[in-house]
Amino acid sequence: MAISFQSQEIVLGKLRERLRRMTDEELIKFGRDVRRLSENPFQKQLEEAKVEWKRRKARTYSTSVGCPEGHSKRTGA
């Protein structure tokens, strides 16, 4: 049993030919499917964690304003 590998150029050429033969509807579906498959499943979680971090830091800053010597009201320090 032999395994053969194709160069990136050959693979892309075959893909381009296949895309050219697709109808508009098939091309749209293909694009949507590939976009969904290529998304990083953790990207949304990372974005939400960043938003939460910024929200906390903004709140921490706003609660520490007006405290003597920059101590935070939350920590009681």
C-alpha atoms as a PDB file:
ATOM      1  CA  MET A   1       0.000   0.000   0.000  1.00  0.00           C
ATOM      2  CA  ALA A   2       1.552   3.278  -1.111  1.00  0.00           C
ATOM      3  CA  ILE A   3       0.828   6.695   0.299  1.00  0.00           C
ATOM      4  CA  SER A   4       1.275   9.670  -1.968  1.00  0.00           C
ATOM      5  CA  PHE A   5       1.340  13.313  -1.054  1.00  0.00           C
ATOM      6  CA  GLN A   6       0.371  16.180  -3.294  1.00  0.00           C
ATOM      7  CA  SER A   7       2.018  19.564  -3.234  1.00  0.00           C
ATOM      8  CA  GLN A   8       0.128  22.550  -1.880  1.00  0.00           C
ATOM      9  CA  GLU A   9      -0.086  23.969  -5.409  1.00  0.00           C
ATOM     10  CA  ILE A  10      -1.764  20.822  -6.735  1.00  0.00           C
ATOM     11  CA  VAL A  11      -4.238  20.733  -3.835  1.00  0.00           C
ATOM     12  CA  LEU A  12      -5.116  24.412  -4.346  1.00  0.00           C
ATOM     13  CA  GLY A  13      -5.464  23.919  -8.087  1.00  0.00           C
ATOM     14  CA  LYS A  14      -7.925  21.067  -7.566  1.00  0.00           C
ATOM     15  CA  LEU A  15      -9.859  23.136  -5.035  1.00  0.00           C
ATOM     16  CA  ARG A  16     -10.074  26.103  -7.418  1.00  0.00           C
ATOM     17  CA  GLU A  17     -11.334  23.866 -10.191  1.00  0.00           C
ATOM     18  CA  ARG A  18     -13.932  22.357  -7.875  1.00  0.00           C
ATOM     19  CA  LEU A  19     -15.054  25.828  -6.749  1.00  0.00           C
ATOM     20  CA  ARG A  20     -15.428  26.965 -10.370  1.00  0.00           C
ATOM     21  CA  ARG A  21     -17.795  24.072 -11.086  1.00  0.00           C
ATOM     22  CA  MET A  22     -20.044  24.879  -8.097  1.00  0.00           C
ATOM     23  CA  THR A  23     -23.311  26.724  -8.475  1.00  0.00           C
ATOM     24  CA  ASP A  24     -23.745  29.992  -6.573  1.00  0.00           C
ATOM     25  CA  GLU A  25     -25.761  28.188  -3.900  1.00  0.00           C
ATOM     26  CA  GLU A  26     -23.162  25.440  -3.531  1.00  0.00           C
ATOM     27  CA  LEU A  27     -20.375  28.023  -3.295  1.00  0.00           C
ATOM     28  CA  ILE A  28     -22.235  29.957  -0.582  1.00  0.00           C
ATOM     29  CA  LYS A  29     -22.854  26.758   1.405  1.00  0.00           C
ATOM     30  CA  PHE A  30     -19.222  25.710   0.985  1.00  0.00           C
ATOM     31  CA  GLY A  31     -18.044  29.106   2.240  1.00  0.00           C
ATOM     32  CA  ARG A  32     -20.295  28.965   5.285  1.00  0.00           C
ATOM     33  CA  ASP A  33     -19.230  25.420   6.112  1.00  0.00           C
ATOM     34  CA  VAL A  34     -15.521  26.238   5.806  1.00  0.00           C
ATOM     35  CA  ARG A  35     -15.893  29.408   7.895  1.00  0.00           C
ATOM     36  CA  ARG A  36     -17.614  27.421  10.651  1.00  0.00           C
ATOM     37  CA  LEU A  37     -14.950  24.720  10.563  1.00  0.00           C
ATOM     38  CA  SER A  38     -12.067  27.175  10.588  1.00  0.00           C
ATOM     39  CA  GLU A  39     -13.274  29.146  13.608  1.00  0.00           C
ATOM     40  CA  ASN A  40     -11.262  28.748  16.761  1.00  0.00           C
ATOM     41  CA  PRO A  41     -13.721  27.191  19.226  1.00  0.00           C
ATOM     42  CA  PHE A  42     -12.059  29.032  22.104  1.00  0.00           C
ATOM     43  CA  GLN A  43     -11.975  32.468  20.452  1.00  0.00           C
ATOM     44  CA  LYS A  44     -15.399  33.527  21.777  1.00  0.00           C
ATOM     45  CA  GLN A  45     -14.485  32.361  25.263  1.00  0.00           C
ATOM     46  CA  LEU A  46     -11.235  34.333  25.099  1.00  0.00           C
ATOM     47  CA  GLU A  47     -13.078  37.457  23.942  1.00  0.00           C
ATOM     48  CA  GLU A  48     -15.614  37.123  26.766  1.00  0.00           C
ATOM     49  CA  ALA A  49     -12.825  36.669  29.332  1.00  0.00           C
ATOM     50  CA  LYS A  50     -11.150  39.861  28.061  1.00  0.00           C
ATOM     51  CA  VAL A  51     -14.431  41.783  28.297  1.00  0.00           C
ATOM     52  CA  GLU A  52     -14.930  40.569  31.874  1.00  0.00           C
ATOM     53  CA  TRP A  53     -11.350  41.511  32.794  1.00  0.00           C
ATOM     54  CA  LYS A  54     -11.794  45.021  31.416  1.00  0.00           C
ATOM     55  CA  ARG A  55     -15.141  45.345  33.208  1.00  0.00           C
ATOM     56  CA  ARG A  56     -13.543  44.357  36.514  1.00  0.00           C
ATOM     57  CA  LYS A  57     -10.596  46.684  36.080  1.00  0.00           C
ATOM     58  CA  ALA A  58     -12.881  49.596  35.164  1.00  0.00           C
ATOM     59  CA  ARG A  59     -14.976  48.905  38.252  1.00  0.00           C
ATOM     60  CA  THR A  60     -11.895  48.581  40.465  1.00  0.00           C
ATOM     61  CA  TYR A  61     -10.569  51.903  39.218  1.00  0.00           C
ATOM     62  CA  SER A  62     -13.891  53.649  39.722  1.00  0.00           C
ATOM     63  CA  THR A  63     -14.239  52.296  43.283  1.00  0.00           C
ATOM     64  CA  SER A  64     -10.694  53.301  44.225  1.00  0.00           C
ATOM     65  CA  VAL A  65     -11.116  56.912  43.070  1.00  0.00           C
ATOM     66  CA  GLY A  66     -11.536  59.154  46.088  1.00  0.00           C
ATOM     67  CA  CYS A  67     -10.047  56.691  48.565  1.00  0.00           C
ATOM     68  CA  PRO A  68      -7.149  58.011  50.632  1.00  0.00           C
ATOM     69  CA  GLU A  69      -3.716  56.972  49.387  1.00  0.00           C
ATOM     70  CA  GLY A  70      -5.270  55.047  46.469  1.00  0.00           C
ATOM     71  CA  HIS A  71      -6.580  52.219  48.640  1.00  0.00           C
ATOM     72  CA  SER A  72      -9.455  50.284  47.193  1.00  0.00           C
ATOM     73  CA  LYS A  73     -12.819  50.350  48.928  1.00  0.00           C
ATOM     74  CA  ARG A  74     -13.335  46.710  47.925  1.00  0.00           C
ATOM     75  CA  THR A  75     -10.293  45.363  49.747  1.00  0.00           C
ATOM     76  CA  GLY A  76     -10.597  47.628  52.755  1.00  0.00           C
ATOM     77  CA  ALA A  77      -6.836  48.160  52.599  1.00  0.00           C
END
